[in-house]
């Protein structure tokens, strides 16, 4: 009986399709920054409470939610969505544009949250027909985009709350503006980078701009340091390894006629493997250590961020199967997602898991990149996300 029901495809109906759009647009209008997702969490919890057979825990890891559906004895799998927005002023002119000045869902977390609400509804309805057995935890995570005062983003805070205890596998998706609706991108193994932020200070004595020979100039030292820094990836890291270091901010001085005493440099260090991550951190520090040979001093500090996202091949096989089952015309692209960071990596580090990218680009094209003030999605992707995650969850419970 159960196996006969499981052979049916997961297909979102028109009613749920409209609900997904309503949920997503409501979330888009009222974005909230990391660890401030109070109204977002309340909205999601209210919707979840309307579904049969679901238990809800709130306030996890800050504003996080775990909604649990159980249907008999079996495996436990988790599905995760992030809820926070970015400090970006939206420039779109659609009717559901952000109503919070300077805050925008520019990375699709409104879509992720709406999709997971749709998955909850689908799984609750299917549980009533014994279409699956086991336990599913739906994780609505705060703060993927930023960290708290102790340097932790939402995923490790949720892990501290025990959301993955006893979980056999965890899955997630991310909307993807470089693929059209109907395409997913998936990759076995390392798929997104670890991200560490470095802060370096170069110290000299400073002095009068008309008498540079009487002091030591940290800006002059920076010129040599930059040459060493930008040669790291081509001469100090193997071309077979995936890694990059970038400088995002340089601050120095306060007047045109004063040589400053200090230059501050901030940037990121990104890698796919833990070994290369450590090597690149050391190499970046060595570049700044050149200040000592040039008559100055330096200080170097690294803020550790998320590890590299490593996707489990066995979980990926189930995601591919689910996509092909419920969306026969789906196009599956293989390949890593790039050098961005994703704190879902903490979860796949804890239990077997995978994230796939879900095409959301508009057919007419246009620049709608992640983390930009014009980001938007073709909302037809919402139903595909729900169907793939729902089907994959049931396959994982059966596997």
Protein backbone atom coordinates (compact mmCIF):
# COMPACT_ATOMS: atom_id res chain seq x y z
CA UNK A 1 0.00 0.00 0.00
CA UNK A 2 2.70 2.49 1.00
CA UNK A 3 4.92 1.64 -1.97
CA UNK A 4 2.03 2.13 -4.39
CA UNK A 5 1.42 5.63 -3.08
CA UNK A 6 5.15 6.47 -3.17
CA UNK A 7 5.29 5.84 -6.92
CA UNK A 8 3.04 8.83 -7.50
CA UNK A 9 4.87 11.96 -8.60
CA UNK A 10 5.05 14.96 -6.32
CA UNK A 11 3.35 17.76 -8.24
CA UNK A 12 2.29 21.09 -6.74
CA UNK A 13 -1.33 22.01 -7.46
CA UNK A 14 -2.53 25.44 -8.57
CA UNK A 15 -3.85 26.34 -5.12
CA UNK A 16 -0.48 25.77 -3.48
CA UNK A 17 1.25 27.56 -6.34
CA UNK A 18 -0.74 30.71 -5.55
CA UNK A 19 -0.06 30.32 -1.84
CA UNK A 20 3.67 30.09 -2.50
CA UNK A 21 3.56 33.36 -4.44
CA UNK A 22 1.51 35.05 -1.71
CA UNK A 23 3.88 33.84 1.02
CA UNK A 24 6.99 34.83 -0.88
CA UNK A 25 5.71 38.32 -1.74
CA UNK A 26 4.63 38.96 1.85
CA UNK A 27 8.08 37.93 3.08
CA UNK A 28 9.71 40.07 0.41
CA UNK A 29 7.82 43.17 1.50
CA UNK A 30 8.91 42.85 5.13
CA UNK A 31 12.58 41.79 5.09
CA UNK A 32 14.59 41.60 8.30
CA UNK A 33 18.32 41.51 8.89
CA UNK A 34 20.29 38.67 10.46
CA UNK A 35 19.19 37.70 13.99
CA UNK A 36 16.33 40.23 13.67
CA UNK A 37 13.86 37.95 11.85
CA UNK A 38 11.15 38.24 14.52
CA UNK A 39 8.18 39.04 12.27
CA UNK A 40 9.43 36.64 9.59
CA UNK A 41 9.57 33.84 12.14
CA UNK A 42 6.13 34.70 13.51
CA UNK A 43 4.66 34.71 10.02
CA UNK A 44 6.20 31.34 9.18
CA UNK A 45 5.14 29.82 12.52
CA UNK A 46 1.53 30.99 12.01
CA UNK A 47 1.40 29.28 8.62
CA UNK A 48 3.03 26.11 9.95
CA UNK A 49 0.53 25.90 12.80
CA UNK A 50 -2.29 25.58 10.25
CA UNK A 51 -0.95 22.25 8.99
CA UNK A 52 -2.08 18.99 10.60
CA UNK A 53 0.32 16.85 12.59
CA UNK A 54 3.12 19.37 12.91
CA UNK A 55 4.93 20.40 16.10
CA UNK A 56 6.77 23.71 16.25
CA UNK A 57 9.69 24.97 18.32
CA UNK A 58 10.61 28.65 18.08
CA UNK A 59 13.41 30.89 19.32
CA UNK A 60 16.16 28.46 18.36
CA UNK A 61 19.56 29.94 17.59
CA UNK A 62 17.97 33.35 18.05
CA UNK A 63 14.83 33.54 15.90
CA UNK A 64 15.00 30.09 14.30
CA UNK A 65 12.16 27.58 13.99
CA UNK A 66 12.10 23.80 13.78
CA UNK A 67 8.84 22.28 12.60
CA UNK A 68 8.66 18.49 12.99
CA UNK A 69 6.46 16.03 11.16
CA UNK A 70 6.48 12.40 12.30
CA UNK A 71 4.69 9.49 10.70
CA UNK A 72 5.69 6.23 12.30
CA UNK A 73 9.09 4.69 12.86
CA UNK A 74 11.86 5.37 10.37
CA UNK A 75 14.73 7.64 9.49
CA UNK A 76 14.97 11.31 10.38
CA UNK A 77 15.86 13.81 7.69
CA UNK A 78 16.04 17.60 7.79
CA UNK A 79 15.37 20.34 5.25
CA UNK A 80 16.76 23.81 5.83
CA UNK A 81 15.81 27.29 4.61
CA UNK A 82 17.35 30.63 5.64
CA UNK A 83 15.18 33.64 6.52
CA UNK A 84 17.34 36.78 6.73
CA UNK A 85 17.69 39.68 4.31
CA UNK A 86 20.53 42.05 3.39
CA UNK A 87 21.25 45.75 4.10
CA UNK A 88 20.51 46.76 0.51
CA UNK A 89 18.03 49.38 -0.73
CA UNK A 90 15.79 47.74 -3.32
CA UNK A 91 15.54 49.37 -6.76
CA UNK A 92 12.84 47.11 -8.22
CA UNK A 93 9.47 48.71 -8.93
CA UNK A 94 7.13 45.74 -8.54
CA UNK A 95 4.13 46.09 -6.22
CA UNK A 96 5.68 43.88 -3.52
CA UNK A 97 8.99 45.73 -3.23
CA UNK A 98 10.53 46.04 0.22
CA UNK A 99 8.73 48.30 2.65
CA UNK A 100 11.74 48.43 4.97
CA UNK A 101 14.13 51.16 3.90
CA UNK A 102 17.63 49.90 3.21
CA UNK A 103 16.73 46.23 3.73
CA UNK A 104 16.01 43.77 0.92
CA UNK A 105 15.69 40.08 0.20
CA UNK A 106 18.49 40.27 -2.36
CA UNK A 107 19.60 36.65 -1.98
CA UNK A 108 16.28 34.83 -2.31
CA UNK A 109 15.79 33.85 1.31
CA UNK A 110 12.15 34.92 1.00
CA UNK A 111 11.80 32.28 -1.72
CA UNK A 112 13.64 29.67 0.37
CA UNK A 113 11.29 30.28 3.31
CA UNK A 114 8.17 30.16 1.14
CA UNK A 115 9.37 26.94 -0.52
CA UNK A 116 9.97 25.25 2.84
CA UNK A 117 6.48 26.27 3.96
CA UNK A 118 5.19 24.61 0.80
CA UNK A 119 7.19 21.47 1.56
CA UNK A 120 5.67 21.41 5.05
CA UNK A 121 2.19 21.55 3.56
CA UNK A 122 2.94 18.84 1.00
CA UNK A 123 4.51 16.48 3.53
CA UNK A 124 1.71 17.01 6.04
CA UNK A 125 -0.88 16.11 3.41
CA UNK A 126 1.10 13.08 2.23
CA UNK A 127 1.59 11.86 5.79
CA UNK A 128 -2.19 11.73 6.16
CA UNK A 129 -2.17 9.19 3.30
CA UNK A 130 0.84 7.26 4.68
CA UNK A 131 2.93 8.24 1.65
CA UNK A 132 6.04 8.27 3.82
CA UNK A 133 7.27 7.00 7.16
CA UNK A 134 9.75 8.49 9.57
CA UNK A 135 10.43 12.02 10.77
CA UNK A 136 11.12 15.25 8.88
CA UNK A 137 12.53 18.35 10.57
CA UNK A 138 11.94 21.61 8.75
CA UNK A 139 14.62 24.08 9.81
CA UNK A 140 13.92 27.80 9.33
CA UNK A 141 17.33 29.28 10.06
CA UNK A 142 18.19 32.88 10.95
CA UNK A 143 21.31 34.80 10.00
CA UNK A 144 22.93 33.12 7.03
CA UNK A 145 24.31 36.46 5.87
CA UNK A 146 25.96 37.82 9.00
CA UNK A 147 27.41 36.89 12.37
CA UNK A 148 26.68 37.81 15.96
CA UNK A 149 29.02 39.47 18.45
CA UNK A 150 30.86 36.19 18.94
CA UNK A 151 31.39 35.62 15.24
CA UNK A 152 28.72 32.94 14.72
CA UNK A 153 26.12 32.90 11.96
CA UNK A 154 22.76 31.17 12.21
CA UNK A 155 23.74 27.63 11.22
CA UNK A 156 26.20 26.98 14.07
CA UNK A 157 23.76 28.58 16.49
CA UNK A 158 21.06 26.19 15.31
CA UNK A 159 23.47 23.28 15.65
CA UNK A 160 24.14 24.34 19.23
CA UNK A 161 20.38 24.10 19.77
CA UNK A 162 20.52 20.46 18.65
CA UNK A 163 18.47 20.75 15.46
CA UNK A 164 20.45 17.98 13.72
CA UNK A 165 20.69 15.55 16.62
CA UNK A 166 19.59 12.13 15.37
CA UNK A 167 19.27 13.36 11.78
CA UNK A 168 20.37 10.96 9.03
CA UNK A 169 20.64 13.54 6.22
CA UNK A 170 19.98 17.22 5.56
CA UNK A 171 19.11 18.97 2.28
CA UNK A 172 18.59 22.54 1.08
CA UNK A 173 18.33 24.61 -2.06
CA UNK A 174 19.39 28.08 -3.19
CA UNK A 175 17.74 30.08 -5.94
CA UNK A 176 20.08 30.68 -8.86
CA UNK A 177 19.80 33.71 -11.20
CA UNK A 178 22.28 32.37 -13.77
CA UNK A 179 20.00 29.46 -14.72
CA UNK A 180 16.45 29.65 -16.10
CA UNK A 181 13.44 28.05 -14.47
CA UNK A 182 13.51 24.32 -15.13
CA UNK A 183 17.25 23.98 -14.54
CA UNK A 184 19.04 22.89 -11.39
CA UNK A 185 22.77 22.87 -10.69
CA UNK A 186 24.28 20.20 -8.49
CA UNK A 187 27.79 19.12 -7.57
CA UNK A 188 29.40 16.25 -5.69
CA UNK A 189 32.02 17.20 -3.10
CA UNK A 190 33.32 20.75 -2.47
CA UNK A 191 30.87 23.18 -4.07
CA UNK A 192 31.27 26.54 -2.31
CA UNK A 193 34.25 28.04 -0.50
CA UNK A 194 35.24 28.45 3.09
CA UNK A 195 35.29 32.16 3.87
CA UNK A 196 37.64 33.84 6.35
CA UNK A 197 37.99 37.60 6.82
CA UNK A 198 41.45 39.02 7.51
CA UNK A 199 42.39 42.36 9.08
CA UNK A 200 45.95 43.58 8.62
CA UNK A 201 47.62 46.73 9.94
CA UNK A 202 50.88 48.07 8.50
CA UNK A 203 52.70 50.44 10.85
CA UNK A 204 55.29 53.10 10.09
CA UNK A 205 56.33 56.27 11.85
CA UNK A 206 54.47 58.61 9.50
CA UNK A 207 55.53 62.21 9.11
CA UNK A 208 55.43 65.34 6.98
CA UNK A 209 54.61 64.75 3.31
CA UNK A 210 57.41 67.13 2.32
CA UNK A 211 60.05 65.16 4.26
CA UNK A 212 59.33 61.46 3.65
CA UNK A 213 63.00 60.56 4.16
CA UNK A 214 62.72 61.44 7.86
CA UNK A 215 60.22 58.71 8.64
CA UNK A 216 58.84 55.37 7.49
CA UNK A 217 55.84 55.30 5.18
CA UNK A 218 53.31 52.43 5.53
CA UNK A 219 51.64 53.43 2.24
CA UNK A 220 54.94 52.91 0.44
CA UNK A 221 55.29 49.53 2.18
CA UNK A 222 51.82 48.62 1.00
CA UNK A 223 52.94 48.79 -2.63
CA UNK A 224 55.42 45.93 -2.15
CA UNK A 225 52.97 43.99 0.00
CA UNK A 226 50.26 44.23 -2.65
CA UNK A 227 52.57 42.77 -5.29
CA UNK A 228 53.28 39.82 -3.03
CA UNK A 229 49.62 39.45 -2.08
CA UNK A 230 48.35 39.34 -5.65
CA UNK A 231 51.01 36.84 -6.64
CA UNK A 232 49.86 34.33 -4.05
CA UNK A 233 47.29 32.44 -6.09
CA UNK A 234 49.53 32.12 -9.17
CA UNK A 235 52.86 31.34 -7.50
CA UNK A 236 52.24 30.03 -3.98
CA UNK A 237 49.07 27.94 -4.41
CA UNK A 238 48.86 24.97 -6.76
CA UNK A 239 46.84 25.71 -9.92
CA UNK A 240 45.01 22.43 -9.22
CA UNK A 241 43.59 23.86 -5.99
CA UNK A 242 40.56 26.14 -5.75
CA UNK A 243 41.42 29.20 -3.67
CA UNK A 244 41.43 32.99 -3.83
CA UNK A 245 42.35 35.90 -1.56
CA UNK A 246 40.90 39.34 -2.21
CA UNK A 247 41.27 42.79 -0.66
CA UNK A 248 38.04 44.67 -0.18
CA UNK A 249 39.02 47.72 1.86
CA UNK A 250 42.12 49.86 2.39
CA UNK A 251 42.11 52.75 4.86
CA UNK A 252 44.91 55.21 5.52
CA UNK A 253 45.56 58.81 6.36
CA UNK A 254 43.56 61.89 7.20
CA UNK A 255 45.19 64.74 5.25
CA UNK A 256 46.96 65.28 1.93
CA UNK A 257 50.16 66.57 3.53
CA UNK A 258 50.56 63.96 6.27
CA UNK A 259 52.14 60.54 5.80
CA UNK A 260 50.02 58.26 7.99
CA UNK A 261 51.36 56.04 10.72
CA UNK A 262 49.12 53.13 9.81
CA UNK A 263 47.39 51.47 6.87
CA UNK A 264 44.52 49.08 7.49
CA UNK A 265 43.72 46.38 4.94
CA UNK A 266 40.70 44.07 5.07
CA UNK A 267 39.79 41.21 2.77
CA UNK A 268 38.69 37.61 2.42
CA UNK A 269 40.43 34.26 2.06
CA UNK A 270 38.48 31.52 0.29
CA UNK A 271 39.27 27.88 -0.43
CA UNK A 272 37.69 24.52 -1.19
CA UNK A 273 39.92 22.33 1.00
CA UNK A 274 40.90 22.72 4.67
CA UNK A 275 44.58 22.21 3.83
CA UNK A 276 44.64 24.94 1.21
CA UNK A 277 42.61 27.16 3.53
CA UNK A 278 45.33 26.99 6.17
CA UNK A 279 48.10 27.40 3.61
CA UNK A 280 46.53 30.49 2.09
CA UNK A 281 45.98 32.11 5.49
CA UNK A 282 49.69 31.61 6.20
CA UNK A 283 50.75 32.95 2.81
CA UNK A 284 48.60 36.08 3.19
CA UNK A 285 50.20 36.80 6.55
CA UNK A 286 53.67 36.33 5.03
CA UNK A 287 52.83 39.00 2.46
CA UNK A 288 52.09 41.50 5.25
CA UNK A 289 55.15 40.39 7.18
CA UNK A 290 57.19 42.08 4.43
CA UNK A 291 56.50 45.32 6.31
CA UNK A 292 59.22 44.27 8.76
CA UNK A 293 61.86 44.09 6.02
CA UNK A 294 60.79 47.56 4.85
CA UNK A 295 61.31 49.22 8.22
CA UNK A 296 57.82 48.86 9.60
CA UNK A 297 55.70 46.50 11.63
CA UNK A 298 52.45 44.64 11.07
CA UNK A 299 49.55 43.01 12.87
CA UNK A 300 47.44 40.28 11.30
CA UNK A 301 44.14 38.79 12.49
CA UNK A 302 41.76 36.31 10.88
CA UNK A 303 38.05 35.93 11.64
CA UNK A 304 37.16 32.34 10.86
CA UNK A 305 34.00 31.92 8.83
CA UNK A 306 32.07 28.99 7.46
CA UNK A 307 33.84 25.91 6.11
CA UNK A 308 33.61 24.87 2.47
CA UNK A 309 30.25 23.44 1.45
CA UNK A 310 30.79 19.74 0.74
CA UNK A 311 27.88 17.95 -0.93
CA UNK A 312 27.37 14.26 -0.27
CA UNK A 313 27.30 12.22 -3.53
CA UNK A 314 24.77 9.70 -2.21
CA UNK A 315 22.37 12.47 -1.17
CA UNK A 316 22.92 14.15 -4.53
CA UNK A 317 21.90 10.98 -6.37
CA UNK A 318 18.57 11.11 -4.57
CA UNK A 319 18.10 14.82 -5.39
CA UNK A 320 18.79 14.12 -9.07
CA UNK A 321 16.33 11.21 -9.03
CA UNK A 322 13.71 13.36 -7.33
CA UNK A 323 14.13 16.18 -9.85
CA UNK A 324 13.81 13.85 -12.81
CA UNK A 325 10.81 12.11 -11.25
CA UNK A 326 8.64 15.14 -10.55
CA UNK A 327 9.93 17.42 -13.34
CA UNK A 328 10.56 15.18 -16.37
CA UNK A 329 11.80 18.09 -18.49
CA UNK A 330 14.30 19.27 -15.86
CA UNK A 331 17.80 20.21 -17.04
CA UNK A 332 20.52 19.18 -14.59
CA UNK A 333 23.81 21.08 -14.76
CA UNK A 334 26.83 19.58 -13.04
CA UNK A 335 29.54 21.70 -11.47
CA UNK A 336 30.56 23.64 -8.34
CA UNK A 337 28.66 26.79 -7.45
CA UNK A 338 31.61 29.18 -7.16
CA UNK A 339 33.66 30.91 -4.49
CA UNK A 340 30.82 32.35 -2.48
CA UNK A 341 30.24 31.15 1.05
CA UNK A 342 27.23 29.37 2.53
CA UNK A 343 26.80 28.57 6.20
CA UNK A 344 24.74 25.49 5.35
CA UNK A 345 28.26 24.04 5.13
CA UNK A 346 28.24 23.72 8.93
CA UNK A 347 25.28 21.36 8.60
CA UNK A 348 26.76 19.19 5.85
CA UNK A 349 29.89 19.01 8.00
CA UNK A 350 27.78 17.59 10.84
CA UNK A 351 25.66 15.05 8.90
CA UNK A 352 25.53 13.84 5.26
CA UNK A 353 23.82 16.52 3.22
CA UNK A 354 23.63 18.49 0.02
CA UNK A 355 22.46 21.77 -1.43
CA UNK A 356 21.39 22.28 -5.04
CA UNK A 357 20.90 25.50 -6.98
CA UNK A 358 17.44 26.15 -8.44
CA UNK A 359 17.18 28.19 -11.63
CA UNK A 360 15.12 31.36 -11.14
CA UNK A 361 16.17 33.65 -14.02
CA UNK A 362 13.56 35.51 -16.04
CA UNK A 363 13.23 34.40 -19.67
CA UNK A 364 13.79 37.96 -20.93
CA UNK A 365 17.19 38.07 -19.26
CA UNK A 366 18.62 41.16 -17.55
CA UNK A 367 21.01 41.50 -14.64
CA UNK A 368 19.33 40.16 -11.51
CA UNK A 369 22.40 38.95 -9.65
CA UNK A 370 22.46 37.84 -6.04
CA UNK A 371 23.25 40.59 -3.52
CA UNK A 372 22.26 43.39 -5.89
CA UNK A 373 19.46 45.94 -5.57
CA UNK A 374 17.73 44.55 -8.69
CA UNK A 375 17.66 40.89 -7.67
CA UNK A 376 14.36 39.12 -8.31
CA UNK A 377 13.09 35.67 -9.24
CA UNK A 378 10.78 34.12 -11.79
CA UNK A 379 8.22 32.78 -9.31
CA UNK A 380 7.57 29.68 -11.41
CA UNK A 381 10.66 28.26 -9.69
CA UNK A 382 8.82 28.09 -6.36
CA UNK A 383 6.71 25.06 -7.24
CA UNK A 384 9.73 23.25 -8.67
CA UNK A 385 11.64 23.82 -5.46
CA UNK A 386 8.77 22.46 -3.38
CA UNK A 387 8.33 19.39 -5.56
CA UNK A 388 12.03 18.48 -5.66
CA UNK A 389 12.56 18.92 -1.92
CA UNK A 390 9.37 17.02 -1.07
CA UNK A 391 10.19 14.12 -3.36
CA UNK A 392 13.84 14.04 -2.21
CA UNK A 393 12.75 13.99 1.43
CA UNK A 394 10.53 10.98 0.84
CA UNK A 395 13.24 9.22 -1.17
CA UNK A 396 15.72 9.81 1.63
CA UNK A 397 13.30 8.35 4.16
CA UNK A 398 12.88 5.29 1.94
CA UNK A 399 16.55 4.87 1.05
